[in-house]
Amino acid sequence: MAALLKGACASAARSVGRGLASSVTGQKVNRMGVVGCGQMGTGIAIVAARHAQIEVVGLDAFPASLERSKQFVQDWASKEAKKGRMTDQDVEAFLGRFSFHSLADDAAMKAEVPSLDFVVEAVSENLDTKQACYDALQAAGLPAQSVLATNTSSISITKLAAKVARPERVIGMHFMNPVPVMPLVEVIRGLRTDDVTLATTLQLCTAMKKETSTSEDRPGFIANRILMPYINEAVFALQDGVGTAEDIDKTLKLGTNVPMGPLTLADFIGLDTCLSIMQVLHRDLGDSKYRPAPLLVNYVEAGWLGKKTKRGFYDYRDRKS
């Protein structure tokens, strides 16, 4: 019996924390698609074009998002040039690696998608929205060997991959915000993700000059399994009158040497995003300790989502930045 238990434990240990065999080589990525050209998607596109020096195709359902993304890329390059980090030739080459197209443009999708080696999906944190994007990519001819990465910060990679023709090519690639500044990418392997997909993703992260950590496919992964309950508890402290927003943030910032307090960080992330992740943790883990703070729910229902709406735990309407 002891030997049987020992063998079962060893087998379980091998199935959890699956590493990458040193003999596995990833595929070369020459052309990458980014679906969702918001703040995160645009940042991902920038580091891919700048550091990995690969062609990037930006895809979004909303024309306004495409225009904002294109303008942000141009402005970012101009700022880098003014700081002496890019020459005029660098800027020209960098901008030349971009193209932008609508997800609703069938002709453009069928012309661009079949040539993509790697796609990063960075749309809103909603299962149906993400899977609809995957359907659109597959309908447009995404090659079977292409990697489909998701920038989800909490949704199961295995669940997202369930309706994809080749779930072994799906992987989590959780970038941190702001992408051009933050050095980490949290890589999450789904239950069916294969070694080549993992190797390709890790190689691409290195080419983007990013450090990586790897997480099992569990709700919230590593980063948000720890970070979001911390933010949520700060909201409970504010709700219960333990301290003001300023004092809560000051205590954590100066007392634990973090760059910003939890409520400021929540405003920066977006309170709707924080709430969405807490709801995933609460639902999928079934533990009351992940229950979203009622005050967080109230703020989201009021449309006070943080810096992006100029009102969250702080009022940004009169601030310049």
C-alpha atoms as a PDB file:
ATOM      1  CA  MET A   1       0.000   0.000   0.000  1.00  0.00           C
ATOM      2  CA  ALA A   2       2.823   2.411   0.893  1.00  0.00           C
ATOM      3  CA  ALA A   3       4.474   1.776  -2.465  1.00  0.00           C
ATOM      4  CA  LEU A   4       1.153   2.327  -4.249  1.00  0.00           C
ATOM      5  CA  LEU A   5       0.582   5.627  -2.450  1.00  0.00           C
ATOM      6  CA  LYS A   6       4.143   6.714  -3.184  1.00  0.00           C
ATOM      7  CA  GLY A   7       3.653   5.997  -6.864  1.00  0.00           C
ATOM      8  CA  ALA A   8       0.332   7.852  -6.965  1.00  0.00           C
ATOM      9  CA  CYS A   9       1.865  10.882  -5.265  1.00  0.00           C
ATOM     10  CA  ALA A  10       4.771  10.889  -7.705  1.00  0.00           C
ATOM     11  CA  SER A  11       2.350  10.723 -10.629  1.00  0.00           C
ATOM     12  CA  ALA A  12       0.308  13.606  -9.223  1.00  0.00           C
ATOM     13  CA  ALA A  13       3.458  15.642  -8.710  1.00  0.00           C
ATOM     14  CA  ARG A  14       4.427  15.120 -12.334  1.00  0.00           C
ATOM     15  CA  SER A  15       0.992  16.286 -13.536  1.00  0.00           C
ATOM     16  CA  VAL A  16       1.164  19.491 -11.510  1.00  0.00           C
ATOM     17  CA  GLY A  17       3.795  22.099 -12.282  1.00  0.00           C
ATOM     18  CA  ARG A  18       4.515  20.665 -15.732  1.00  0.00           C
ATOM     19  CA  GLY A  19       7.863  21.971 -16.858  1.00  0.00           C
ATOM     20  CA  LEU A  20       9.327  22.284 -20.325  1.00  0.00           C
ATOM     21  CA  ALA A  21      11.699  19.664 -21.638  1.00  0.00           C
ATOM     22  CA  SER A  22      15.049  21.228 -22.520  1.00  0.00           C
ATOM     23  CA  SER A  23      14.996  19.542 -25.923  1.00  0.00           C
ATOM     24  CA  VAL A  24      11.825  21.337 -27.065  1.00  0.00           C
ATOM     25  CA  THR A  25      12.350  24.250 -29.462  1.00  0.00           C
ATOM     26  CA  GLY A  26       9.724  26.874 -30.124  1.00  0.00           C
ATOM     27  CA  GLN A  27       8.576  28.091 -33.519  1.00  0.00           C
ATOM     28  CA  LYS A  28       9.900  31.295 -35.021  1.00  0.00           C
ATOM     29  CA  VAL A  29       7.432  34.177 -34.916  1.00  0.00           C
ATOM     30  CA  ASN A  30       7.589  36.623 -37.822  1.00  0.00           C
ATOM     31  CA  ARG A  31       4.097  38.085 -37.785  1.00  0.00           C
ATOM     32  CA  MET A  32       1.855  38.569 -34.772  1.00  0.00           C
ATOM     33  CA  GLY A  33      -1.760  39.607 -34.418  1.00  0.00           C
ATOM     34  CA  VAL A  34      -3.133  41.531 -31.434  1.00  0.00           C
ATOM     35  CA  VAL A  35      -6.899  41.340 -30.985  1.00  0.00           C
ATOM     36  CA  GLY A  36      -8.208  44.208 -28.872  1.00  0.00           C
ATOM     37  CA  CYS A  37      -6.413  47.501 -29.363  1.00  0.00           C
ATOM     38  CA  GLY A  38      -7.066  49.073 -25.991  1.00  0.00           C
ATOM     39  CA  GLN A  39      -4.379  50.067 -23.511  1.00  0.00           C
ATOM     40  CA  MET A  40      -3.125  46.525 -22.950  1.00  0.00           C
ATOM     41  CA  GLY A  41      -3.301  45.387 -26.563  1.00  0.00           C
ATOM     42  CA  THR A  42      -1.522  48.486 -27.814  1.00  0.00           C
ATOM     43  CA  GLY A  43       1.225  48.036 -25.230  1.00  0.00           C
ATOM     44  CA  ILE A  44       1.704  44.408 -26.266  1.00  0.00           C
ATOM     45  CA  ALA A  45       1.911  45.468 -29.909  1.00  0.00           C
ATOM     46  CA  ILE A  46       4.532  48.098 -29.058  1.00  0.00           C
ATOM     47  CA  VAL A  47       6.928  45.716 -27.284  1.00  0.00           C
ATOM     48  CA  ALA A  48       6.519  43.117 -30.044  1.00  0.00           C
ATOM     49  CA  ALA A  49       7.348  45.604 -32.793  1.00  0.00           C
ATOM     50  CA  ARG A  50      10.052  47.464 -30.886  1.00  0.00           C
ATOM     51  CA  HIS A  51      11.982  44.708 -29.144  1.00  0.00           C
ATOM     52  CA  ALA A  52      11.103  41.498 -31.001  1.00  0.00           C
ATOM     53  CA  GLN A  53      11.041  43.527 -34.240  1.00  0.00           C
ATOM     54  CA  ILE A  54       8.209  41.515 -35.745  1.00  0.00           C
ATOM     55  CA  GLU A  55       5.296  42.678 -37.857  1.00  0.00           C
ATOM     56  CA  VAL A  56       2.155  43.371 -35.848  1.00  0.00           C
ATOM     57  CA  VAL A  57      -1.434  43.366 -37.081  1.00  0.00           C
ATOM     58  CA  GLY A  58      -3.824  45.217 -34.755  1.00  0.00           C
ATOM     59  CA  LEU A  59      -7.428  43.953 -34.864  1.00  0.00           C
ATOM     60  CA  ASP A  60     -10.423  45.482 -33.114  1.00  0.00           C
ATOM     61  CA  ALA A  61     -14.187  45.616 -33.571  1.00  0.00           C
ATOM     62  CA  PHE A  62     -14.332  49.362 -32.945  1.00  0.00           C
ATOM     63  CA  PRO A  63     -12.883  51.879 -35.461  1.00  0.00           C
ATOM     64  CA  ALA A  64     -12.319  54.441 -32.687  1.00  0.00           C
ATOM     65  CA  SER A  65     -10.143  51.952 -30.788  1.00  0.00           C
ATOM     66  CA  LEU A  66      -8.064  51.309 -33.888  1.00  0.00           C
ATOM     67  CA  GLU A  67      -7.520  55.043 -34.414  1.00  0.00           C
ATOM     68  CA  ARG A  68      -6.584  55.624 -30.766  1.00  0.00           C
ATOM     69  CA  SER A  69      -4.182  52.707 -30.854  1.00  0.00           C
ATOM     70  CA  LYS A  70      -2.529  53.933 -34.043  1.00  0.00           C
ATOM     71  CA  GLN A  71      -2.138  57.418 -32.581  1.00  0.00           C
ATOM     72  CA  PHE A  72      -0.753  56.080 -29.301  1.00  0.00           C
ATOM     73  CA  VAL A  73       1.871  54.041 -31.169  1.00  0.00           C
ATOM     74  CA  GLN A  74       2.962  57.144 -33.093  1.00  0.00           C
ATOM     75  CA  ASP A  75       3.055  59.289 -29.955  1.00  0.00           C
ATOM     76  CA  TRP A  76       5.018  56.634 -28.050  1.00  0.00           C
ATOM     77  CA  ALA A  77       7.631  56.449 -30.797  1.00  0.00           C
ATOM     78  CA  SER A  78       7.927  60.256 -30.871  1.00  0.00           C
ATOM     79  CA  LYS A  79       8.515  60.369 -27.119  1.00  0.00           C
ATOM     80  CA  GLU A  80      11.147  57.649 -27.336  1.00  0.00           C
ATOM     81  CA  ALA A  81      12.924  59.603 -30.082  1.00  0.00           C
ATOM     82  CA  LYS A  82      12.876  62.807 -28.008  1.00  0.00           C
ATOM     83  CA  LYS A  83      14.421  60.888 -25.109  1.00  0.00           C
ATOM     84  CA  GLY A  84      17.204  59.678 -27.397  1.00  0.00           C
ATOM     85  CA  ARG A  85      16.133  56.033 -27.188  1.00  0.00           C
ATOM     86  CA  MET A  86      15.246  55.774 -30.876  1.00  0.00           C
ATOM     87  CA  THR A  87      16.749  57.344 -33.980  1.00  0.00           C
ATOM     88  CA  ASP A  88      14.634  58.641 -36.854  1.00  0.00           C
ATOM     89  CA  GLN A  89      15.487  55.439 -38.719  1.00  0.00           C
ATOM     90  CA  ASP A  90      14.375  53.357 -35.738  1.00  0.00           C
ATOM     91  CA  VAL A  91      11.046  55.195 -35.609  1.00  0.00           C
ATOM     92  CA  GLU A  92      10.450  54.727 -39.332  1.00  0.00           C
ATOM     93  CA  ALA A  93      11.211  50.999 -39.137  1.00  0.00           C
ATOM     94  CA  PHE A  94       9.118  50.618 -35.982  1.00  0.00           C
ATOM     95  CA  LEU A  95       6.030  52.292 -37.441  1.00  0.00           C
ATOM     96  CA  GLY A  96       6.456  50.317 -40.651  1.00  0.00           C
ATOM     97  CA  ARG A  97       5.867  47.086 -38.753  1.00  0.00           C
ATOM     98  CA  PHE A  98       2.258  48.014 -37.897  1.00  0.00           C
ATOM     99  CA  SER A  99      -1.027  47.581 -39.705  1.00  0.00           C
ATOM    100  CA  PHE A 100      -4.541  47.971 -38.285  1.00  0.00           C
ATOM    101  CA  HIS A 101      -7.771  46.342 -39.422  1.00  0.00           C
ATOM    102  CA  SER A 102     -11.351  45.889 -38.272  1.00  0.00           C
ATOM    103  CA  LEU A 103     -12.563  42.518 -37.052  1.00  0.00           C
ATOM    104  CA  ALA A 104     -15.734  43.245 -39.015  1.00  0.00           C
ATOM    105  CA  ASP A 105     -13.847  43.606 -42.316  1.00  0.00           C
ATOM    106  CA  ASP A 106     -14.112  40.078 -43.723  1.00  0.00           C
ATOM    107  CA  ALA A 107     -11.827  40.777 -46.671  1.00  0.00           C
ATOM    108  CA  ALA A 108      -9.076  42.213 -44.477  1.00  0.00           C
ATOM    109  CA  MET A 109      -9.415  39.373 -41.970  1.00  0.00           C
ATOM    110  CA  LYS A 110      -9.094  36.716 -44.670  1.00  0.00           C
ATOM    111  CA  ALA A 111      -6.102  38.541 -46.138  1.00  0.00           C
ATOM    112  CA  GLU A 112      -4.236  39.079 -42.858  1.00  0.00           C
ATOM    113  CA  VAL A 113      -5.084  36.252 -40.448  1.00  0.00           C
ATOM    114  CA  PRO A 114      -3.708  33.296 -42.490  1.00  0.00           C
ATOM    115  CA  SER A 115      -0.204  34.815 -42.298  1.00  0.00           C
ATOM    116  CA  LEU A 116      -0.144  35.172 -38.498  1.00  0.00           C
ATOM    117  CA  ASP A 117       2.270  32.914 -36.585  1.00  0.00           C
ATOM    118  CA  PHE A 118       1.088  34.065 -33.179  1.00  0.00           C
ATOM    119  CA  VAL A 119      -1.984  35.900 -31.894  1.00  0.00           C
ATOM    120  CA  VAL A 120      -2.455  37.628 -28.551  1.00  0.00           C
ATOM    121  CA  GLU A 121      -6.071  38.263 -27.577  1.00  0.00           C
ATOM    122  CA  ALA A 122      -6.471  41.251 -25.262  1.00  0.00           C
ATOM    123  CA  VAL A 123     -10.204  41.978 -25.275  1.00  0.00           C
ATOM    124  CA  SER A 124     -12.406  42.535 -22.220  1.00  0.00           C
ATOM    125  CA  GLU A 125     -12.430  39.980 -19.395  1.00  0.00           C
ATOM    126  CA  ASN A 126     -15.499  38.104 -20.595  1.00  0.00           C
ATOM    127  CA  LEU A 127     -15.603  34.446 -21.644  1.00  0.00           C
ATOM    128  CA  ASP A 128     -18.164  34.883 -24.433  1.00  0.00           C
ATOM    129  CA  THR A 129     -16.387  37.915 -25.902  1.00  0.00           C
ATOM    130  CA  LYS A 130     -13.066  36.106 -25.976  1.00  0.00           C
ATOM    131  CA  GLN A 131     -14.477  32.948 -27.527  1.00  0.00           C
ATOM    132  CA  ALA A 132     -16.275  35.036 -30.168  1.00  0.00           C
ATOM    133  CA  CYS A 133     -12.871  36.474 -31.130  1.00  0.00           C
ATOM    134  CA  TYR A 134     -11.432  32.966 -31.431  1.00  0.00           C
ATOM    135  CA  ASP A 135     -14.345  31.970 -33.675  1.00  0.00           C
ATOM    136  CA  ALA A 136     -13.669  34.987 -35.905  1.00  0.00           C
ATOM    137  CA  LEU A 137      -9.963  34.172 -36.158  1.00  0.00           C
ATOM    138  CA  GLN A 138     -10.605  30.537 -37.058  1.00  0.00           C
ATOM    139  CA  ALA A 139     -13.241  31.520 -39.624  1.00  0.00           C
ATOM    140  CA  ALA A 140     -10.720  33.894 -41.218  1.00  0.00           C
ATOM    141  CA  GLY A 141      -8.172  31.092 -41.641  1.00  0.00           C
ATOM    142  CA  LEU A 142      -5.875  31.162 -38.613  1.00  0.00           C
ATOM    143  CA  PRO A 143      -3.279  28.452 -39.371  1.00  0.00           C
ATOM    144  CA  ALA A 144      -3.504  25.256 -37.310  1.00  0.00           C
ATOM    145  CA  GLN A 145       0.110  25.630 -36.158  1.00  0.00           C
ATOM    146  CA  SER A 146      -0.310  29.240 -34.960  1.00  0.00           C
ATOM    147  CA  VAL A 147      -0.278  29.954 -31.231  1.00  0.00           C
ATOM    148  CA  LEU A 148      -3.369  31.612 -29.764  1.00  0.00           C
ATOM    149  CA  ALA A 149      -2.445  33.407 -26.534  1.00  0.00           C
ATOM    150  CA  THR A 150      -4.862  35.181 -24.230  1.00  0.00           C
ATOM    151  CA  ASN A 151      -4.026  38.096 -21.973  1.00  0.00           C
ATOM    152  CA  THR A 152      -6.727  37.058 -19.505  1.00  0.00           C
ATOM    153  CA  SER A 153      -5.879  37.797 -15.902  1.00  0.00           C
ATOM    154  CA  SER A 154      -8.268  35.311 -14.310  1.00  0.00           C
ATOM    155  CA  ILE A 155     -10.304  33.128 -16.711  1.00  0.00           C
ATOM    156  CA  SER A 156      -9.304  29.471 -17.063  1.00  0.00           C
ATOM    157  CA  ILE A 157      -7.092  28.834 -20.097  1.00  0.00           C
ATOM    158  CA  THR A 158      -8.533  25.327 -20.358  1.00  0.00           C
ATOM    159  CA  LYS A 159     -12.071  26.735 -20.448  1.00  0.00           C
ATOM    160  CA  LEU A 160     -11.153  29.345 -23.075  1.00  0.00           C
ATOM    161  CA  ALA A 161      -9.519  26.673 -25.228  1.00  0.00           C
ATOM    162  CA  ALA A 162     -12.487  24.303 -25.057  1.00  0.00           C
ATOM    163  CA  LYS A 163     -14.104  25.592 -28.261  1.00  0.00           C
ATOM    164  CA  VAL A 164     -10.892  26.102 -30.215  1.00  0.00           C
ATOM    165  CA  ALA A 165     -10.080  23.568 -32.942  1.00  0.00           C
ATOM    166  CA  ARG A 166      -6.579  22.970 -31.536  1.00  0.00           C
ATOM    167  CA  PRO A 167      -6.682  23.596 -27.767  1.00  0.00           C
ATOM    168  CA  GLU A 168      -3.064  22.486 -27.476  1.00  0.00           C
ATOM    169  CA  ARG A 169      -2.077  25.754 -29.206  1.00  0.00           C
ATOM    170  CA  VAL A 170      -3.820  27.950 -26.615  1.00  0.00           C
ATOM    171  CA  ILE A 171      -1.864  29.514 -23.746  1.00  0.00           C
ATOM    172  CA  GLY A 172      -2.151  32.313 -21.212  1.00  0.00           C
ATOM    173  CA  MET A 173       0.134  35.311 -21.589  1.00  0.00           C
ATOM    174  CA  HIS A 174      -0.729  37.760 -18.814  1.00  0.00           C
ATOM    175  CA  PHE A 175       1.118  41.034 -19.379  1.00  0.00           C
ATOM    176  CA  MET A 176       1.331  43.639 -16.635  1.00  0.00           C
ATOM    177  CA  ASN A 177       0.166  47.228 -17.089  1.00  0.00           C
ATOM    178  CA  PRO A 178       1.708  49.437 -18.481  1.00  0.00           C
ATOM    179  CA  VAL A 179       3.160  46.826 -20.829  1.00  0.00           C
ATOM    180  CA  PRO A 180       6.123  48.840 -22.204  1.00  0.00           C
ATOM    181  CA  VAL A 181       7.295  49.513 -18.630  1.00  0.00           C
ATOM    182  CA  MET A 182       6.483  46.440 -16.539  1.00  0.00           C
ATOM    183  CA  PRO A 183       9.063  43.658 -17.025  1.00  0.00           C
ATOM    184  CA  LEU A 184       6.926  40.586 -16.271  1.00  0.00           C
ATOM    185  CA  VAL A 185       4.705  38.272 -18.289  1.00  0.00           C
ATOM    186  CA  GLU A 186       2.870  35.573 -16.348  1.00  0.00           C
ATOM    187  CA  VAL A 187       2.642  32.508 -18.607  1.00  0.00           C
ATOM    188  CA  ILE A 188      -0.188  30.049 -17.937  1.00  0.00           C
ATOM    189  CA  ARG A 189      -0.329  26.603 -19.463  1.00  0.00           C
ATOM    190  CA  GLY A 190      -3.797  25.126 -19.971  1.00  0.00           C
ATOM    191  CA  LEU A 191      -4.486  21.454 -19.353  1.00  0.00           C
ATOM    192  CA  ARG A 192      -3.993  20.640 -23.065  1.00  0.00           C
ATOM    193  CA  THR A 193      -1.303  23.213 -23.946  1.00  0.00           C
ATOM    194  CA  ASP A 194       1.626  21.400 -25.609  1.00  0.00           C
ATOM    195  CA  ASP A 195       5.375  21.849 -25.144  1.00  0.00           C
ATOM    196  CA  VAL A 196       5.960  23.574 -28.491  1.00  0.00           C
ATOM    197  CA  THR A 197       3.333  26.211 -27.667  1.00  0.00           C
ATOM    198  CA  LEU A 198       4.952  26.870 -24.297  1.00  0.00           C
ATOM    199  CA  ALA A 199       8.449  27.017 -25.813  1.00  0.00           C
ATOM    200  CA  THR A 200       7.304  29.398 -28.550  1.00  0.00           C
ATOM    201  CA  THR A 201       5.639  31.680 -26.001  1.00  0.00           C
ATOM    202  CA  LEU A 202       8.661  31.774 -23.693  1.00  0.00           C
ATOM    203  CA  GLN A 203      10.961  32.526 -26.642  1.00  0.00           C
ATOM    204  CA  LEU A 204       8.704  35.357 -27.755  1.00  0.00           C
ATOM    205  CA  CYS A 205       8.670  36.814 -24.241  1.00  0.00           C
ATOM    206  CA  THR A 206      12.477  36.789 -24.242  1.00  0.00           C
ATOM    207  CA  ALA A 207      12.526  38.503 -27.645  1.00  0.00           C
ATOM    208  CA  MET A 208      10.180  41.148 -26.203  1.00  0.00           C
ATOM    209  CA  LYS A 209      12.738  41.638 -23.387  1.00  0.00           C
ATOM    210  CA  LYS A 210      10.315  40.373 -20.760  1.00  0.00           C
ATOM    211  CA  GLU A 211      10.929  38.220 -17.710  1.00  0.00           C
ATOM    212  CA  THR A 212       8.504  35.334 -17.232  1.00  0.00           C
ATOM    213  CA  SER A 213       6.908  33.422 -14.409  1.00  0.00           C
ATOM    214  CA  THR A 214       4.768  30.350 -14.991  1.00  0.00           C
ATOM    215  CA  SER A 215       1.501  29.498 -13.280  1.00  0.00           C
ATOM    216  CA  GLU A 216      -0.795  26.522 -13.270  1.00  0.00           C
ATOM    217  CA  ASP A 217      -4.273  27.068 -14.706  1.00  0.00           C
ATOM    218  CA  ARG A 218      -6.057  27.990 -11.479  1.00  0.00           C
ATOM    219  CA  PRO A 219      -8.451  30.923 -10.883  1.00  0.00           C
ATOM    220  CA  GLY A 220      -6.518  34.199 -10.740  1.00  0.00           C
ATOM    221  CA  PHE A 221      -3.246  32.410 -11.508  1.00  0.00           C
ATOM    222  CA  ILE A 222      -0.422  33.725  -9.276  1.00  0.00           C
ATOM    223  CA  ALA A 223      -0.623  37.496  -9.641  1.00  0.00           C
ATOM    224  CA  ASN A 224      -4.331  38.090  -9.146  1.00  0.00           C
ATOM    225  CA  ARG A 225      -4.849  35.230  -6.711  1.00  0.00           C
ATOM    226  CA  ILE A 226      -2.690  37.306  -4.351  1.00  0.00           C
ATOM    227  CA  LEU A 227      -3.161  40.895  -5.559  1.00  0.00           C
ATOM    228  CA  MET A 228      -6.944  41.126  -5.895  1.00  0.00           C
ATOM    229  CA  PRO A 229      -7.855  39.895  -2.393  1.00  0.00           C
ATOM    230  CA  TYR A 230      -5.352  42.466  -1.075  1.00  0.00           C
ATOM    231  CA  ILE A 231      -7.120  45.246  -3.002  1.00  0.00           C
ATOM    232  CA  ASN A 232     -10.538  43.894  -2.018  1.00  0.00           C
ATOM    233  CA  GLU A 233      -9.578  43.918   1.679  1.00  0.00           C
ATOM    234  CA  ALA A 234      -8.464  47.537   1.334  1.00  0.00           C
ATOM    235  CA  VAL A 235     -11.928  48.359  -0.041  1.00  0.00           C
ATOM    236  CA  PHE A 236     -13.501  46.564   2.941  1.00  0.00           C
ATOM    237  CA  ALA A 237     -11.294  48.667   5.252  1.00  0.00           C
ATOM    238  CA  LEU A 238     -12.493  51.844   3.526  1.00  0.00           C
ATOM    239  CA  GLN A 239     -16.116  50.665   3.618  1.00  0.00           C
ATOM    240  CA  ASP A 240     -15.897  49.831   7.344  1.00  0.00           C
ATOM    241  CA  GLY A 241     -14.353  53.197   8.214  1.00  0.00           C
ATOM    242  CA  VAL A 242     -11.028  51.755   9.371  1.00  0.00           C
ATOM    243  CA  GLY A 243      -9.294  54.622   7.578  1.00  0.00           C
ATOM    244  CA  THR A 244      -9.638  57.115   4.746  1.00  0.00           C
ATOM    245  CA  ALA A 245      -8.527  56.187   1.242  1.00  0.00           C
ATOM    246  CA  GLU A 246      -5.488  58.406   1.706  1.00  0.00           C
ATOM    247  CA  ASP A 247      -4.510  56.833   5.029  1.00  0.00           C
ATOM    248  CA  ILE A 248      -5.044  53.278   3.789  1.00  0.00           C
ATOM    249  CA  ASP A 249      -2.830  53.940   0.775  1.00  0.00           C
ATOM    250  CA  LYS A 250      -0.208  55.832   2.790  1.00  0.00           C
ATOM    251  CA  THR A 251       0.015  53.036   5.352  1.00  0.00           C
ATOM    252  CA  LEU A 252       0.591  50.349   2.731  1.00  0.00           C
ATOM    253  CA  LYS A 253       2.845  52.458   0.514  1.00  0.00           C
ATOM    254  CA  LEU A 254       5.192  53.676   3.243  1.00  0.00           C
ATOM    255  CA  GLY A 255       4.744  50.755   5.597  1.00  0.00           C
ATOM    256  CA  THR A 256       5.377  47.953   3.094  1.00  0.00           C
ATOM    257  CA  ASN A 257       7.501  49.821   0.526  1.00  0.00           C
ATOM    258  CA  VAL A 258       5.170  49.309  -2.458  1.00  0.00           C
ATOM    259  CA  PRO A 259       5.122  51.973  -5.213  1.00  0.00           C
ATOM    260  CA  MET A 260       1.432  52.805  -4.723  1.00  0.00           C
ATOM    261  CA  GLY A 261      -1.311  52.012  -2.244  1.00  0.00           C
ATOM    262  CA  PRO A 262      -4.017  49.402  -2.989  1.00  0.00           C
ATOM    263  CA  LEU A 263      -6.822  51.883  -3.691  1.00  0.00           C
ATOM    264  CA  THR A 264      -4.675  53.968  -6.040  1.00  0.00           C
ATOM    265  CA  LEU A 265      -3.649  50.751  -7.753  1.00  0.00           C
ATOM    266  CA  ALA A 266      -7.292  49.685  -8.082  1.00  0.00           C
ATOM    267  CA  ASP A 267      -8.119  53.023  -9.724  1.00  0.00           C
ATOM    268  CA  PHE A 268      -5.237  52.505 -12.131  1.00  0.00           C
ATOM    269  CA  ILE A 269      -6.261  48.927 -13.014  1.00  0.00           C
ATOM    270  CA  GLY A 270      -9.966  49.801 -13.309  1.00  0.00           C
ATOM    271  CA  LEU A 271     -12.543  48.988 -10.656  1.00  0.00           C
ATOM    272  CA  ASP A 272     -14.636  47.039 -13.146  1.00  0.00           C
ATOM    273  CA  THR A 273     -11.648  44.820 -13.871  1.00  0.00           C
ATOM    274  CA  CYS A 274     -10.991  44.332 -10.148  1.00  0.00           C
ATOM    275  CA  LEU A 275     -14.627  43.391  -9.581  1.00  0.00           C
ATOM    276  CA  SER A 276     -14.661  40.985 -12.518  1.00  0.00           C
ATOM    277  CA  ILE A 277     -11.595  39.158 -11.222  1.00  0.00           C
ATOM    278  CA  MET A 278     -12.967  38.954  -7.667  1.00  0.00           C
ATOM    279  CA  GLN A 279     -16.201  37.504  -9.046  1.00  0.00           C
ATOM    280  CA  VAL A 280     -14.214  34.829 -10.905  1.00  0.00           C
ATOM    281  CA  LEU A 281     -12.254  33.971  -7.752  1.00  0.00           C
ATOM    282  CA  HIS A 282     -15.408  33.860  -5.644  1.00  0.00           C
ATOM    283  CA  ARG A 283     -17.344  31.736  -8.135  1.00  0.00           C
ATOM    284  CA  ASP A 284     -14.614  29.317  -9.165  1.00  0.00           C
ATOM    285  CA  LEU A 285     -12.977  28.784  -5.770  1.00  0.00           C
ATOM    286  CA  GLY A 286     -16.225  28.855  -3.790  1.00  0.00           C
ATOM    287  CA  ASP A 287     -14.665  30.490  -0.741  1.00  0.00           C
ATOM    288  CA  SER A 288     -16.391  33.431   0.981  1.00  0.00           C
ATOM    289  CA  LYS A 289     -13.033  35.098   1.579  1.00  0.00           C
ATOM    290  CA  TYR A 290     -13.122  36.113  -2.104  1.00  0.00           C
ATOM    291  CA  ARG A 291     -16.512  37.836  -1.818  1.00  0.00           C
ATOM    292  CA  PRO A 292     -16.264  41.249  -3.550  1.00  0.00           C
ATOM    293  CA  ALA A 293     -16.595  44.193  -1.178  1.00  0.00           C
ATOM    294  CA  PRO A 294     -20.082  45.749  -1.523  1.00  0.00           C
ATOM    295  CA  LEU A 295     -18.485  49.187  -1.866  1.00  0.00           C
ATOM    296  CA  LEU A 296     -16.511  47.967  -4.893  1.00  0.00           C
ATOM    297  CA  VAL A 297     -19.770  46.758  -6.446  1.00  0.00           C
ATOM    298  CA  ASN A 298     -21.402  50.133  -5.690  1.00  0.00           C
ATOM    299  CA  TYR A 299     -18.612  52.084  -7.365  1.00  0.00           C
ATOM    300  CA  VAL A 300     -18.769  49.962 -10.511  1.00  0.00           C
ATOM    301  CA  GLU A 301     -22.554  50.280 -10.667  1.00  0.00           C
ATOM    302  CA  ALA A 302     -22.166  54.060 -10.356  1.00  0.00           C
ATOM    303  CA  GLY A 303     -19.751  54.113 -13.282  1.00  0.00           C
ATOM    304  CA  TRP A 304     -16.859  55.167 -11.040  1.00  0.00           C
ATOM    305  CA  LEU A 305     -14.244  52.883 -12.560  1.00  0.00           C
ATOM    306  CA  GLY A 306     -11.049  54.721 -11.667  1.00  0.00           C
ATOM    307  CA  LYS A 307      -8.692  56.849 -13.731  1.00  0.00           C
ATOM    308  CA  LYS A 308     -10.277  55.915 -17.053  1.00  0.00           C
ATOM    309  CA  THR A 309     -13.566  57.540 -15.984  1.00  0.00           C
ATOM    310  CA  LYS A 310     -11.795  60.217 -13.917  1.00  0.00           C
ATOM    311  CA  ARG A 311     -13.557  59.014 -10.765  1.00  0.00           C
ATOM    312  CA  GLY A 312     -12.866  56.058  -8.533  1.00  0.00           C
ATOM    313  CA  PHE A 313     -11.621  55.988  -4.977  1.00  0.00           C
ATOM    314  CA  TYR A 314     -10.033  59.310  -5.934  1.00  0.00           C
ATOM    315  CA  ASP A 315     -11.329  62.187  -8.053  1.00  0.00           C
ATOM    316  CA  TYR A 316      -9.155  62.784 -11.139  1.00  0.00           C
ATOM    317  CA  ARG A 317     -11.299  65.402 -12.834  1.00  0.00           C
ATOM    318  CA  ASP A 318      -9.030  68.296 -11.916  1.00  0.00           C
ATOM    319  CA  ARG A 319      -5.757  66.423 -12.287  1.00  0.00           C
ATOM    320  CA  LYS A 320      -3.543  66.850 -15.318  1.00  0.00           C
ATOM    321  CA  SER A 321      -2.463  63.178 -15.412  1.00  0.00           C
END
